[in-house]
Amino acid sequence: MKKPSLLLIAGLLLVSPAAFAGGSHFLFEPFTGVTFNHGFSMENAVGFESGALFAVGGKLKGFPPRFYLYVRASESIFGDDEVFIDNREAYGTVSRAYTRITGGLRVVFPIVGRLRLNLEAGGGTMLSRNRYGEAGMSEVSYDEDLTVFETGIGLNYRFFEWLSLGVMYNYSYVTDTRNCDLIAGFLGERQDGRELAWSHLNVTLGLHF
């Protein structure tokens, strides 16, 4: 029983506050910006996004980067977009909105002074709400739960110990490309919406505590 006990003690020491260098260990980061659609060839390319990130972590003594586990939630709205269907010479209206709920690891590297570089990798779900309308047809609407992987890179400047301002770019994409999107398939869009991906560019306000 001695070895498990020693391992348990070592683990407790590793995650205890004494093992980390000074500074904040919690981050609340609201953000707002734009989302770029890369998966639908006939629809709105730009939507608006807002949300927030919560993270907990710290830095080991003598090791410059800080490590955070994060959870992010955001809402992207692309609004109503009029599209033209060539083979029927008809106009239709597509409306899409997405709720992104992801989690992962953020690593923060000091660059110079109070400037920091953020790198992220994670995954989660993208809840999509989709609607299509066309004259002479019944409206089509459906929701989907999409599994996504995301990466990110950004910069922030720490004005005070408790406040930072920055910019963050994330790229998220659907991991399963076997299923097509119903509206994209109906409109004849590229790959029938199988290769869905989004770029997220946001301004961030970090509250550190």
N, C-alpha and C. Protein backbone atom coordinates (compact mmCIF):
# COMPACT_ATOMS: atom_id res chain seq x y z
N MET A 1 0.81 -1.21 0.00
CA MET A 1 0.00 0.00 0.00
C MET A 1 0.85 1.27 0.00
N LYS A 2 2.18 1.10 0.20
CA LYS A 2 3.01 2.29 0.32
C LYS A 2 3.09 3.04 -1.01
N LYS A 3 3.28 2.28 -2.11
CA LYS A 3 3.45 2.93 -3.41
C LYS A 3 2.21 3.72 -3.82
N PRO A 4 0.99 3.15 -3.75
CA PRO A 4 -0.20 3.94 -4.08
C PRO A 4 -0.33 5.17 -3.21
N SER A 5 0.03 5.04 -1.90
CA SER A 5 -0.08 6.18 -0.99
C SER A 5 0.88 7.28 -1.41
N LEU A 6 2.10 6.90 -1.78
CA LEU A 6 3.08 7.89 -2.21
C LEU A 6 2.64 8.58 -3.50
N LEU A 7 2.07 7.79 -4.41
CA LEU A 7 1.58 8.37 -5.66
C LEU A 7 0.44 9.35 -5.41
N LEU A 8 -0.45 8.99 -4.48
CA LEU A 8 -1.56 9.86 -4.14
C LEU A 8 -1.06 11.16 -3.55
N ILE A 9 -0.09 11.09 -2.65
CA ILE A 9 0.46 12.30 -2.04
C ILE A 9 1.13 13.17 -3.09
N ALA A 10 1.88 12.54 -4.00
CA ALA A 10 2.55 13.30 -5.06
C ALA A 10 1.54 13.99 -5.96
N GLY A 11 0.44 13.30 -6.27
CA GLY A 11 -0.60 13.90 -7.10
C GLY A 11 -1.26 15.08 -6.41
N LEU A 12 -1.51 14.96 -5.13
CA LEU A 12 -2.11 16.07 -4.38
C LEU A 12 -1.19 17.27 -4.34
N LEU A 13 0.10 17.01 -4.17
CA LEU A 13 1.06 18.10 -4.16
C LEU A 13 1.13 18.79 -5.51
N LEU A 14 1.00 18.01 -6.59
CA LEU A 14 1.11 18.56 -7.93
C LEU A 14 -0.04 19.51 -8.25
N VAL A 15 -1.26 19.15 -7.82
CA VAL A 15 -2.42 19.99 -8.14
C VAL A 15 -2.73 21.01 -7.07
N SER A 16 -1.98 21.01 -5.97
CA SER A 16 -2.23 21.96 -4.91
C SER A 16 -1.77 23.35 -5.31
N PRO A 17 -2.33 24.43 -4.74
CA PRO A 17 -1.94 25.78 -5.08
C PRO A 17 -0.45 26.03 -4.91
N ALA A 18 0.19 25.33 -3.95
CA ALA A 18 1.60 25.55 -3.71
C ALA A 18 2.46 25.13 -4.90
N ALA A 19 1.94 24.25 -5.72
CA ALA A 19 2.72 23.78 -6.86
C ALA A 19 2.70 24.76 -8.01
N PHE A 20 1.78 25.72 -7.97
CA PHE A 20 1.65 26.68 -9.05
C PHE A 20 2.30 28.01 -8.69
N ALA A 21 2.77 28.70 -9.73
CA ALA A 21 3.29 30.04 -9.51
C ALA A 21 2.14 30.98 -9.22
N GLY A 22 2.49 32.16 -8.68
CA GLY A 22 1.46 33.13 -8.34
C GLY A 22 0.71 33.61 -9.56
N GLY A 23 -0.45 34.21 -9.35
CA GLY A 23 -1.27 34.70 -10.44
C GLY A 23 -2.67 34.14 -10.33
N SER A 24 -3.52 34.54 -11.29
CA SER A 24 -4.91 34.10 -11.26
C SER A 24 -5.03 32.68 -11.83
N HIS A 25 -6.05 31.96 -11.35
CA HIS A 25 -6.26 30.59 -11.80
C HIS A 25 -7.61 30.39 -12.48
N PHE A 26 -8.43 31.44 -12.51
CA PHE A 26 -9.75 31.36 -13.12
C PHE A 26 -9.90 32.48 -14.15
N LEU A 27 -10.59 32.17 -15.23
CA LEU A 27 -10.80 33.15 -16.30
C LEU A 27 -12.24 33.09 -16.78
N PHE A 28 -12.87 34.26 -16.83
CA PHE A 28 -14.17 34.39 -17.47
C PHE A 28 -13.99 35.36 -18.62
N GLU A 29 -14.33 34.90 -19.85
CA GLU A 29 -13.99 35.66 -21.05
C GLU A 29 -15.18 35.79 -21.99
N PRO A 30 -15.99 36.83 -21.85
CA PRO A 30 -17.04 37.08 -22.85
C PRO A 30 -16.40 37.55 -24.16
N PHE A 31 -17.08 37.27 -25.27
CA PHE A 31 -16.53 37.65 -26.57
C PHE A 31 -17.65 37.90 -27.57
N THR A 32 -17.30 38.64 -28.62
CA THR A 32 -18.25 38.89 -29.70
C THR A 32 -17.48 39.11 -30.99
N GLY A 33 -18.11 38.76 -32.11
CA GLY A 33 -17.43 38.91 -33.39
C GLY A 33 -18.23 38.32 -34.53
N VAL A 34 -17.51 37.72 -35.48
CA VAL A 34 -18.15 37.19 -36.68
C VAL A 34 -17.78 35.73 -36.87
N THR A 35 -18.67 35.01 -37.56
CA THR A 35 -18.44 33.61 -37.93
C THR A 35 -18.50 33.49 -39.45
N PHE A 36 -17.50 32.83 -40.03
CA PHE A 36 -17.45 32.63 -41.47
C PHE A 36 -17.80 31.17 -41.80
N ASN A 37 -18.75 30.99 -42.71
CA ASN A 37 -19.18 29.67 -43.11
C ASN A 37 -18.33 29.17 -44.27
N HIS A 38 -17.77 27.96 -44.13
CA HIS A 38 -16.96 27.37 -45.20
C HIS A 38 -17.63 26.15 -45.83
N GLY A 39 -18.82 25.80 -45.39
CA GLY A 39 -19.41 24.54 -45.84
C GLY A 39 -20.54 24.65 -46.83
N PHE A 40 -21.16 25.85 -46.95
CA PHE A 40 -22.31 26.01 -47.84
C PHE A 40 -21.95 26.99 -48.95
N SER A 41 -21.96 26.51 -50.18
CA SER A 41 -21.45 27.31 -51.30
C SER A 41 -22.44 28.35 -51.82
N MET A 42 -23.73 28.24 -51.48
CA MET A 42 -24.74 29.15 -52.03
C MET A 42 -25.34 30.07 -50.96
N GLU A 43 -24.84 30.01 -49.74
CA GLU A 43 -25.50 30.72 -48.64
C GLU A 43 -24.61 31.80 -48.05
N ASN A 44 -25.18 32.53 -47.10
CA ASN A 44 -24.47 33.59 -46.41
C ASN A 44 -23.12 33.10 -45.90
N ALA A 45 -22.07 33.84 -46.19
CA ALA A 45 -20.73 33.45 -45.74
C ALA A 45 -20.39 34.00 -44.36
N VAL A 46 -21.11 35.02 -43.90
CA VAL A 46 -20.75 35.69 -42.65
C VAL A 46 -21.97 35.77 -41.73
N GLY A 47 -21.76 35.39 -40.48
CA GLY A 47 -22.77 35.54 -39.44
C GLY A 47 -22.18 36.27 -38.25
N PHE A 48 -23.02 36.55 -37.27
CA PHE A 48 -22.58 37.25 -36.07
C PHE A 48 -22.60 36.30 -34.88
N GLU A 49 -21.61 36.44 -34.00
CA GLU A 49 -21.45 35.51 -32.89
C GLU A 49 -21.21 36.26 -31.59
N SER A 50 -21.70 35.70 -30.49
CA SER A 50 -21.39 36.18 -29.16
C SER A 50 -21.44 35.01 -28.20
N GLY A 51 -20.68 35.10 -27.13
CA GLY A 51 -20.64 34.01 -26.17
C GLY A 51 -19.67 34.29 -25.05
N ALA A 52 -19.27 33.23 -24.36
CA ALA A 52 -18.37 33.38 -23.23
C ALA A 52 -17.59 32.09 -23.01
N LEU A 53 -16.43 32.24 -22.42
CA LEU A 53 -15.55 31.11 -22.08
C LEU A 53 -15.25 31.16 -20.60
N PHE A 54 -15.23 30.00 -19.96
CA PHE A 54 -14.79 29.89 -18.57
C PHE A 54 -13.64 28.90 -18.54
N ALA A 55 -12.57 29.27 -17.84
CA ALA A 55 -11.39 28.41 -17.80
C ALA A 55 -10.80 28.38 -16.40
N VAL A 56 -10.15 27.26 -16.08
CA VAL A 56 -9.46 27.12 -14.80
C VAL A 56 -8.11 26.47 -15.06
N GLY A 57 -7.09 26.95 -14.38
CA GLY A 57 -5.76 26.39 -14.59
C GLY A 57 -4.70 27.20 -13.88
N GLY A 58 -3.49 27.13 -14.37
CA GLY A 58 -2.38 27.84 -13.76
C GLY A 58 -1.07 27.46 -14.42
N LYS A 59 0.01 27.76 -13.73
CA LYS A 59 1.33 27.50 -14.28
C LYS A 59 2.20 26.85 -13.25
N LEU A 60 3.00 25.89 -13.69
CA LEU A 60 3.93 25.22 -12.81
C LEU A 60 5.15 26.10 -12.58
N LYS A 61 5.70 26.04 -11.39
CA LYS A 61 6.86 26.86 -11.06
C LYS A 61 8.03 26.54 -11.99
N GLY A 62 8.64 27.60 -12.50
CA GLY A 62 9.80 27.43 -13.37
C GLY A 62 9.47 27.06 -14.80
N PHE A 63 8.17 27.06 -15.15
CA PHE A 63 7.75 26.67 -16.50
C PHE A 63 6.84 27.77 -17.03
N PRO A 64 7.29 28.59 -18.02
CA PRO A 64 6.59 29.83 -18.40
C PRO A 64 5.14 29.68 -18.84
N PRO A 65 4.76 28.69 -19.70
CA PRO A 65 3.36 28.67 -20.16
C PRO A 65 2.37 28.41 -19.02
N ARG A 66 1.16 28.92 -19.23
CA ARG A 66 0.06 28.62 -18.31
C ARG A 66 -0.91 27.68 -19.04
N PHE A 67 -1.49 26.74 -18.31
CA PHE A 67 -2.38 25.74 -18.90
C PHE A 67 -3.77 25.89 -18.31
N TYR A 68 -4.78 25.97 -19.18
CA TYR A 68 -6.16 26.14 -18.74
C TYR A 68 -7.05 25.09 -19.40
N LEU A 69 -7.94 24.52 -18.63
CA LEU A 69 -9.05 23.74 -19.17
C LEU A 69 -10.23 24.69 -19.34
N TYR A 70 -10.82 24.69 -20.53
CA TYR A 70 -11.87 25.67 -20.80
C TYR A 70 -13.17 25.02 -21.23
N VAL A 71 -14.24 25.76 -21.02
CA VAL A 71 -15.56 25.45 -21.57
C VAL A 71 -16.06 26.70 -22.26
N ARG A 72 -16.53 26.55 -23.49
CA ARG A 72 -16.98 27.71 -24.27
C ARG A 72 -18.41 27.47 -24.75
N ALA A 73 -19.22 28.52 -24.69
CA ALA A 73 -20.58 28.47 -25.24
C ALA A 73 -20.81 29.74 -26.05
N SER A 74 -21.36 29.59 -27.26
CA SER A 74 -21.60 30.76 -28.09
C SER A 74 -22.79 30.53 -29.02
N GLU A 75 -23.29 31.62 -29.54
CA GLU A 75 -24.41 31.59 -30.47
C GLU A 75 -24.03 32.34 -31.74
N SER A 76 -24.16 31.68 -32.90
CA SER A 76 -23.91 32.30 -34.20
C SER A 76 -25.20 32.35 -34.99
N ILE A 77 -25.49 33.53 -35.56
CA ILE A 77 -26.72 33.72 -36.33
C ILE A 77 -26.37 34.20 -37.73
N PHE A 78 -26.83 33.48 -38.74
CA PHE A 78 -26.59 33.87 -40.12
C PHE A 78 -27.78 34.57 -40.75
N GLY A 79 -28.92 34.53 -40.09
CA GLY A 79 -30.08 35.26 -40.57
C GLY A 79 -30.69 34.67 -41.83
N ASP A 80 -31.61 35.42 -42.44
CA ASP A 80 -32.30 34.97 -43.65
C ASP A 80 -31.46 35.32 -44.88
N ASP A 81 -31.26 34.33 -45.73
CA ASP A 81 -30.44 34.51 -46.93
C ASP A 81 -31.22 34.03 -48.15
N GLU A 82 -31.40 34.92 -49.13
CA GLU A 82 -32.12 34.55 -50.35
C GLU A 82 -31.16 33.87 -51.32
N VAL A 83 -31.54 32.71 -51.81
CA VAL A 83 -30.71 31.96 -52.76
C VAL A 83 -31.52 31.70 -54.03
N PHE A 84 -30.79 31.56 -55.15
CA PHE A 84 -31.43 31.28 -56.44
C PHE A 84 -31.09 29.86 -56.87
N ILE A 85 -32.13 29.06 -57.20
CA ILE A 85 -31.94 27.68 -57.61
C ILE A 85 -32.03 27.62 -59.13
N ASP A 86 -30.91 27.37 -59.77
CA ASP A 86 -30.82 27.43 -61.24
C ASP A 86 -31.75 26.44 -61.93
N ASN A 87 -31.75 25.19 -61.47
CA ASN A 87 -32.49 24.17 -62.21
C ASN A 87 -34.01 24.35 -62.15
N ARG A 88 -34.49 25.19 -61.21
CA ARG A 88 -35.92 25.48 -61.15
C ARG A 88 -36.23 26.95 -61.40
N GLU A 89 -35.17 27.74 -61.55
CA GLU A 89 -35.31 29.18 -61.71
C GLU A 89 -36.26 29.75 -60.66
N ALA A 90 -35.93 29.40 -59.41
CA ALA A 90 -36.77 29.83 -58.28
C ALA A 90 -35.88 30.42 -57.19
N TYR A 91 -36.50 31.24 -56.36
CA TYR A 91 -35.80 31.82 -55.22
C TYR A 91 -36.29 31.16 -53.93
N GLY A 92 -35.37 30.93 -53.03
CA GLY A 92 -35.72 30.39 -51.72
C GLY A 92 -35.01 31.17 -50.63
N THR A 93 -35.42 30.96 -49.39
CA THR A 93 -34.81 31.65 -48.25
C THR A 93 -34.30 30.63 -47.24
N VAL A 94 -33.02 30.74 -46.93
CA VAL A 94 -32.38 29.85 -45.96
C VAL A 94 -32.08 30.64 -44.70
N SER A 95 -32.36 30.04 -43.56
CA SER A 95 -32.04 30.64 -42.26
C SER A 95 -31.33 29.60 -41.40
N ARG A 96 -30.16 29.97 -40.86
CA ARG A 96 -29.41 29.05 -40.01
C ARG A 96 -28.90 29.77 -38.77
N ALA A 97 -28.85 29.03 -37.67
CA ALA A 97 -28.27 29.53 -36.41
C ALA A 97 -27.60 28.35 -35.72
N TYR A 98 -26.54 28.64 -34.95
CA TYR A 98 -25.75 27.59 -34.32
C TYR A 98 -25.44 27.93 -32.88
N THR A 99 -25.54 26.93 -32.03
CA THR A 99 -25.07 27.04 -30.65
C THR A 99 -23.85 26.14 -30.50
N ARG A 100 -22.73 26.76 -30.18
CA ARG A 100 -21.46 26.01 -30.05
C ARG A 100 -21.17 25.78 -28.57
N ILE A 101 -21.01 24.52 -28.18
CA ILE A 101 -20.63 24.17 -26.81
C ILE A 101 -19.42 23.25 -26.89
N THR A 102 -18.27 23.76 -26.49
CA THR A 102 -17.02 23.01 -26.64
C THR A 102 -16.18 23.12 -25.37
N GLY A 103 -15.23 22.24 -25.27
CA GLY A 103 -14.27 22.27 -24.16
C GLY A 103 -12.93 21.76 -24.64
N GLY A 104 -11.88 22.12 -23.92
CA GLY A 104 -10.55 21.69 -24.32
C GLY A 104 -9.46 22.32 -23.50
N LEU A 105 -8.29 22.44 -24.11
CA LEU A 105 -7.10 22.95 -23.44
C LEU A 105 -6.64 24.24 -24.10
N ARG A 106 -6.38 25.25 -23.28
CA ARG A 106 -5.75 26.49 -23.75
C ARG A 106 -4.38 26.61 -23.09
N VAL A 107 -3.36 26.88 -23.91
CA VAL A 107 -2.01 27.11 -23.40
C VAL A 107 -1.65 28.57 -23.68
N VAL A 108 -1.22 29.29 -22.65
CA VAL A 108 -0.91 30.71 -22.75
C VAL A 108 0.59 30.92 -22.62
N PHE A 109 1.19 31.56 -23.64
CA PHE A 109 2.62 31.80 -23.66
C PHE A 109 2.90 33.30 -23.52
N PRO A 110 3.75 33.70 -22.58
CA PRO A 110 4.15 35.11 -22.53
C PRO A 110 5.04 35.45 -23.72
N ILE A 111 4.79 36.60 -24.35
CA ILE A 111 5.61 37.02 -25.49
C ILE A 111 6.57 38.13 -25.08
N VAL A 112 6.01 39.28 -24.79
CA VAL A 112 6.83 40.40 -24.33
C VAL A 112 5.96 41.29 -23.47
N GLY A 113 6.49 41.72 -22.34
CA GLY A 113 5.70 42.56 -21.45
C GLY A 113 4.43 41.87 -21.01
N ARG A 114 3.29 42.51 -21.27
CA ARG A 114 1.99 41.95 -20.87
C ARG A 114 1.25 41.30 -22.03
N LEU A 115 1.93 41.11 -23.16
CA LEU A 115 1.32 40.48 -24.32
C LEU A 115 1.42 38.97 -24.23
N ARG A 116 0.31 38.27 -24.52
CA ARG A 116 0.25 36.82 -24.40
C ARG A 116 -0.26 36.19 -25.70
N LEU A 117 0.27 34.99 -25.99
CA LEU A 117 -0.20 34.17 -27.12
C LEU A 117 -1.03 33.02 -26.58
N ASN A 118 -2.22 32.81 -27.15
CA ASN A 118 -3.11 31.72 -26.74
C ASN A 118 -3.20 30.68 -27.85
N LEU A 119 -3.03 29.41 -27.49
CA LEU A 119 -3.24 28.30 -28.42
C LEU A 119 -4.28 27.36 -27.80
N GLU A 120 -5.22 26.88 -28.63
CA GLU A 120 -6.31 26.04 -28.13
C GLU A 120 -6.51 24.80 -28.99
N ALA A 121 -6.99 23.75 -28.36
CA ALA A 121 -7.45 22.55 -29.06
C ALA A 121 -8.55 21.93 -28.22
N GLY A 122 -9.63 21.54 -28.88
CA GLY A 122 -10.75 20.97 -28.13
C GLY A 122 -11.81 20.41 -29.05
N GLY A 123 -12.95 20.16 -28.50
CA GLY A 123 -14.06 19.62 -29.27
C GLY A 123 -15.35 19.71 -28.50
N GLY A 124 -16.42 19.33 -29.16
CA GLY A 124 -17.73 19.40 -28.50
C GLY A 124 -18.85 19.25 -29.51
N THR A 125 -19.86 20.07 -29.37
CA THR A 125 -21.05 19.94 -30.20
C THR A 125 -21.45 21.29 -30.78
N MET A 126 -22.03 21.23 -31.96
CA MET A 126 -22.61 22.40 -32.61
C MET A 126 -24.07 22.08 -32.85
N LEU A 127 -24.94 22.77 -32.14
CA LEU A 127 -26.38 22.55 -32.29
C LEU A 127 -26.89 23.49 -33.37
N SER A 128 -27.37 22.94 -34.49
CA SER A 128 -27.81 23.77 -35.61
C SER A 128 -29.33 23.81 -35.69
N ARG A 129 -29.83 25.00 -36.05
CA ARG A 129 -31.25 25.20 -36.30
C ARG A 129 -31.39 25.72 -37.73
N ASN A 130 -32.12 24.98 -38.56
CA ASN A 130 -32.14 25.23 -40.00
C ASN A 130 -33.57 25.38 -40.50
N ARG A 131 -33.74 26.31 -41.45
CA ARG A 131 -35.08 26.55 -42.00
C ARG A 131 -34.94 26.94 -43.47
N TYR A 132 -35.85 26.40 -44.31
CA TYR A 132 -35.86 26.77 -45.74
C TYR A 132 -37.30 27.00 -46.18
N GLY A 133 -37.49 28.10 -46.90
CA GLY A 133 -38.81 28.43 -47.43
C GLY A 133 -38.74 28.79 -48.90
N GLU A 134 -39.75 28.39 -49.65
CA GLU A 134 -39.82 28.70 -51.09
C GLU A 134 -41.29 28.80 -51.48
N ALA A 135 -41.61 29.74 -52.34
CA ALA A 135 -43.00 29.94 -52.77
C ALA A 135 -43.56 28.66 -53.39
N GLY A 136 -44.77 28.30 -52.96
CA GLY A 136 -45.42 27.11 -53.49
C GLY A 136 -45.00 25.82 -52.82
N MET A 137 -44.14 25.91 -51.77
CA MET A 137 -43.69 24.72 -51.04
C MET A 137 -43.90 24.90 -49.55
N SER A 138 -44.07 23.79 -48.85
CA SER A 138 -44.15 23.85 -47.40
C SER A 138 -42.76 24.16 -46.82
N GLU A 139 -42.73 24.92 -45.75
CA GLU A 139 -41.45 25.27 -45.13
C GLU A 139 -40.78 24.03 -44.54
N VAL A 140 -39.49 23.94 -44.71
CA VAL A 140 -38.69 22.84 -44.16
C VAL A 140 -37.89 23.38 -42.98
N SER A 141 -37.99 22.73 -41.83
CA SER A 141 -37.19 23.15 -40.67
C SER A 141 -36.77 21.92 -39.88
N TYR A 142 -35.56 21.95 -39.36
CA TYR A 142 -35.03 20.83 -38.59
C TYR A 142 -33.84 21.29 -37.75
N ASP A 143 -33.56 20.53 -36.70
CA ASP A 143 -32.41 20.77 -35.83
C ASP A 143 -31.44 19.59 -35.96
N GLU A 144 -30.15 19.88 -35.80
CA GLU A 144 -29.13 18.83 -35.85
C GLU A 144 -28.12 19.05 -34.73
N ASP A 145 -27.57 17.95 -34.24
CA ASP A 145 -26.51 17.97 -33.23
C ASP A 145 -25.24 17.47 -33.90
N LEU A 146 -24.30 18.39 -34.19
CA LEU A 146 -23.09 18.07 -34.94
C LEU A 146 -21.89 17.99 -34.01
N THR A 147 -21.11 16.93 -34.13
CA THR A 147 -19.88 16.79 -33.36
C THR A 147 -18.76 17.52 -34.08
N VAL A 148 -18.06 18.42 -33.36
CA VAL A 148 -17.02 19.23 -33.99
C VAL A 148 -15.71 19.14 -33.22
N PHE A 149 -14.63 19.37 -33.94
CA PHE A 149 -13.30 19.55 -33.37
C PHE A 149 -12.89 20.99 -33.64
N GLU A 150 -12.17 21.62 -32.70
CA GLU A 150 -11.79 23.01 -32.91
C GLU A 150 -10.34 23.26 -32.50
N THR A 151 -9.71 24.18 -33.21
CA THR A 151 -8.39 24.69 -32.84
C THR A 151 -8.49 26.21 -32.78
N GLY A 152 -7.53 26.83 -32.13
CA GLY A 152 -7.59 28.28 -32.01
C GLY A 152 -6.25 28.91 -31.74
N ILE A 153 -6.13 30.17 -32.12
CA ILE A 153 -4.94 30.97 -31.85
C ILE A 153 -5.38 32.41 -31.61
N GLY A 154 -4.72 33.08 -30.69
CA GLY A 154 -5.10 34.45 -30.39
C GLY A 154 -4.06 35.18 -29.59
N LEU A 155 -4.30 36.46 -29.41
CA LEU A 155 -3.43 37.33 -28.62
C LEU A 155 -4.28 38.07 -27.61
N ASN A 156 -3.72 38.32 -26.44
CA ASN A 156 -4.37 39.24 -25.51
C ASN A 156 -3.33 40.06 -24.75
N TYR A 157 -3.78 41.21 -24.30
CA TYR A 157 -2.90 42.12 -23.56
C TYR A 157 -3.48 42.29 -22.17
N ARG A 158 -2.66 42.04 -21.17
CA ARG A 158 -3.09 42.10 -19.76
C ARG A 158 -2.90 43.53 -19.24
N PHE A 159 -3.96 44.31 -19.27
CA PHE A 159 -3.89 45.70 -18.81
C PHE A 159 -3.68 45.77 -17.29
N PHE A 160 -4.40 44.92 -16.58
CA PHE A 160 -4.26 44.83 -15.13
C PHE A 160 -4.19 43.34 -14.78
N GLU A 161 -3.93 43.04 -13.52
CA GLU A 161 -3.89 41.64 -13.09
C GLU A 161 -5.22 40.95 -13.33
N TRP A 162 -6.29 41.73 -13.28
CA TRP A 162 -7.63 41.15 -13.38
C TRP A 162 -8.31 41.38 -14.72
N LEU A 163 -7.67 42.11 -15.66
CA LEU A 163 -8.35 42.49 -16.89
C LEU A 163 -7.43 42.37 -18.11
N SER A 164 -7.94 41.74 -19.18
CA SER A 164 -7.20 41.66 -20.44
C SER A 164 -8.16 41.89 -21.61
N LEU A 165 -7.59 42.31 -22.72
CA LEU A 165 -8.35 42.52 -23.95
C LEU A 165 -7.60 41.82 -25.07
N GLY A 166 -8.34 41.11 -25.95
CA GLY A 166 -7.63 40.37 -26.98
C GLY A 166 -8.48 40.07 -28.20
N VAL A 167 -7.90 39.27 -29.07
CA VAL A 167 -8.59 38.80 -30.27
C VAL A 167 -8.30 37.31 -30.40
N MET A 168 -9.32 36.52 -30.79
CA MET A 168 -9.20 35.07 -30.86
C MET A 168 -9.78 34.56 -32.16
N TYR A 169 -9.02 33.67 -32.82
CA TYR A 169 -9.50 33.01 -34.03
C TYR A 169 -9.63 31.51 -33.75
N ASN A 170 -10.81 30.95 -34.02
CA ASN A 170 -11.03 29.51 -33.89
C ASN A 170 -11.53 28.94 -35.21
N TYR A 171 -11.11 27.73 -35.49
CA TYR A 171 -11.60 26.99 -36.66
C TYR A 171 -12.23 25.71 -36.15
N SER A 172 -13.50 25.53 -36.45
CA SER A 172 -14.21 24.32 -36.02
C SER A 172 -14.78 23.61 -37.24
N TYR A 173 -14.73 22.29 -37.21
CA TYR A 173 -15.22 21.52 -38.35
C TYR A 173 -15.90 20.25 -37.87
N VAL A 174 -16.85 19.78 -38.67
CA VAL A 174 -17.61 18.56 -38.36
C VAL A 174 -16.72 17.35 -38.61
N THR A 175 -16.68 16.45 -37.64
CA THR A 175 -15.78 15.30 -37.74
C THR A 175 -16.35 14.16 -38.59
N ASP A 176 -17.66 14.08 -38.69
CA ASP A 176 -18.29 13.01 -39.48
C ASP A 176 -18.82 13.60 -40.78
N THR A 177 -18.21 13.25 -41.90
CA THR A 177 -18.60 13.82 -43.19
C THR A 177 -19.46 12.86 -44.02
N ARG A 178 -19.99 11.83 -43.40
CA ARG A 178 -20.77 10.85 -44.16
C ARG A 178 -22.17 11.33 -44.49
N ASN A 179 -22.74 12.17 -43.63
CA ASN A 179 -24.12 12.59 -43.82
C ASN A 179 -24.20 13.96 -44.47
N CYS A 180 -25.10 14.12 -45.42
CA CYS A 180 -25.27 15.41 -46.07
C CYS A 180 -26.26 16.26 -45.29
N ASP A 181 -26.25 17.55 -45.57
CA ASP A 181 -27.22 18.46 -44.98
C ASP A 181 -28.46 18.50 -45.87
N LEU A 182 -29.63 18.42 -45.27
CA LEU A 182 -30.87 18.30 -46.03
C LEU A 182 -31.08 19.48 -46.97
N ILE A 183 -30.93 20.70 -46.48
CA ILE A 183 -31.14 21.89 -47.32
C ILE A 183 -30.06 21.98 -48.40
N ALA A 184 -28.81 21.75 -48.02
CA ALA A 184 -27.70 21.82 -48.99
C ALA A 184 -27.89 20.80 -50.10
N GLY A 185 -28.35 19.60 -49.74
CA GLY A 185 -28.60 18.58 -50.75
C GLY A 185 -29.74 18.98 -51.67
N PHE A 186 -30.78 19.59 -51.10
CA PHE A 186 -31.93 20.02 -51.89
C PHE A 186 -31.54 21.13 -52.87
N LEU A 187 -30.65 22.04 -52.43
CA LEU A 187 -30.23 23.15 -53.27
C LEU A 187 -29.12 22.77 -54.25
N GLY A 188 -28.48 21.62 -54.02
CA GLY A 188 -27.38 21.21 -54.87
C GLY A 188 -26.09 21.93 -54.57
N GLU A 189 -25.86 22.22 -53.29
CA GLU A 189 -24.63 22.91 -52.90
C GLU A 189 -23.44 21.96 -52.93
N ARG A 190 -22.25 22.55 -52.84
CA ARG A 190 -21.01 21.77 -52.91
C ARG A 190 -20.98 20.67 -51.86
N GLN A 191 -20.70 19.43 -52.30
CA GLN A 191 -20.60 18.26 -51.43
C GLN A 191 -21.88 18.00 -50.62
N ASP A 192 -22.98 18.63 -51.03
CA ASP A 192 -24.26 18.48 -50.31
C ASP A 192 -24.13 18.79 -48.82
N GLY A 193 -23.22 19.70 -48.47
CA GLY A 193 -23.06 20.11 -47.08
C GLY A 193 -22.40 19.08 -46.20
N ARG A 194 -21.65 18.16 -46.77
CA ARG A 194 -20.99 17.12 -45.96
C ARG A 194 -19.76 17.65 -45.23
N GLU A 195 -19.07 18.61 -45.83
CA GLU A 195 -17.81 19.10 -45.25
C GLU A 195 -18.06 20.47 -44.62
N LEU A 196 -18.71 20.46 -43.47
CA LEU A 196 -19.07 21.71 -42.80
C LEU A 196 -17.93 22.19 -41.92
N ALA A 197 -17.66 23.50 -41.97
CA ALA A 197 -16.61 24.09 -41.15
C ALA A 197 -16.91 25.58 -40.98
N TRP A 198 -16.38 26.16 -39.90
CA TRP A 198 -16.61 27.57 -39.61
C TRP A 198 -15.34 28.19 -39.04
N SER A 199 -15.11 29.45 -39.39
CA SER A 199 -14.08 30.25 -38.75
C SER A 199 -14.76 31.26 -37.83
N HIS A 200 -14.21 31.41 -36.63
CA HIS A 200 -14.77 32.33 -35.64
C HIS A 200 -13.70 33.36 -35.30
N LEU A 201 -13.98 34.62 -35.53
CA LEU A 201 -13.05 35.71 -35.21
C LEU A 201 -13.73 36.64 -34.23
N ASN A 202 -13.17 36.70 -33.01
CA ASN A 202 -13.85 37.42 -31.93
C ASN A 202 -12.90 38.34 -31.16
N VAL A 203 -13.47 39.43 -30.67
CA VAL A 203 -12.80 40.28 -29.70
C VAL A 203 -13.16 39.75 -28.31
N THR A 204 -12.17 39.64 -27.44
CA THR A 204 -12.38 39.03 -26.11
C THR A 204 -12.09 40.03 -25.00
N LEU A 205 -12.82 39.89 -23.91
CA LEU A 205 -12.59 40.66 -22.69
C LEU A 205 -12.37 39.66 -21.56
N GLY A 206 -11.15 39.58 -21.05
CA GLY A 206 -10.83 38.59 -20.04
C GLY A 206 -10.90 39.15 -18.63
N LEU A 207 -11.63 38.45 -17.78
CA LEU A 207 -11.71 38.79 -16.35
C LEU A 207 -11.00 37.68 -15.59
N HIS A 208 -9.87 38.01 -14.94
CA HIS A 208 -9.01 37.03 -14.29
C HIS A 208 -9.18 37.12 -12.77
N PHE A 209 -9.32 35.98 -12.14
CA PHE A 209 -9.47 35.98 -10.68
C PHE A 209 -9.00 34.66 -10.10
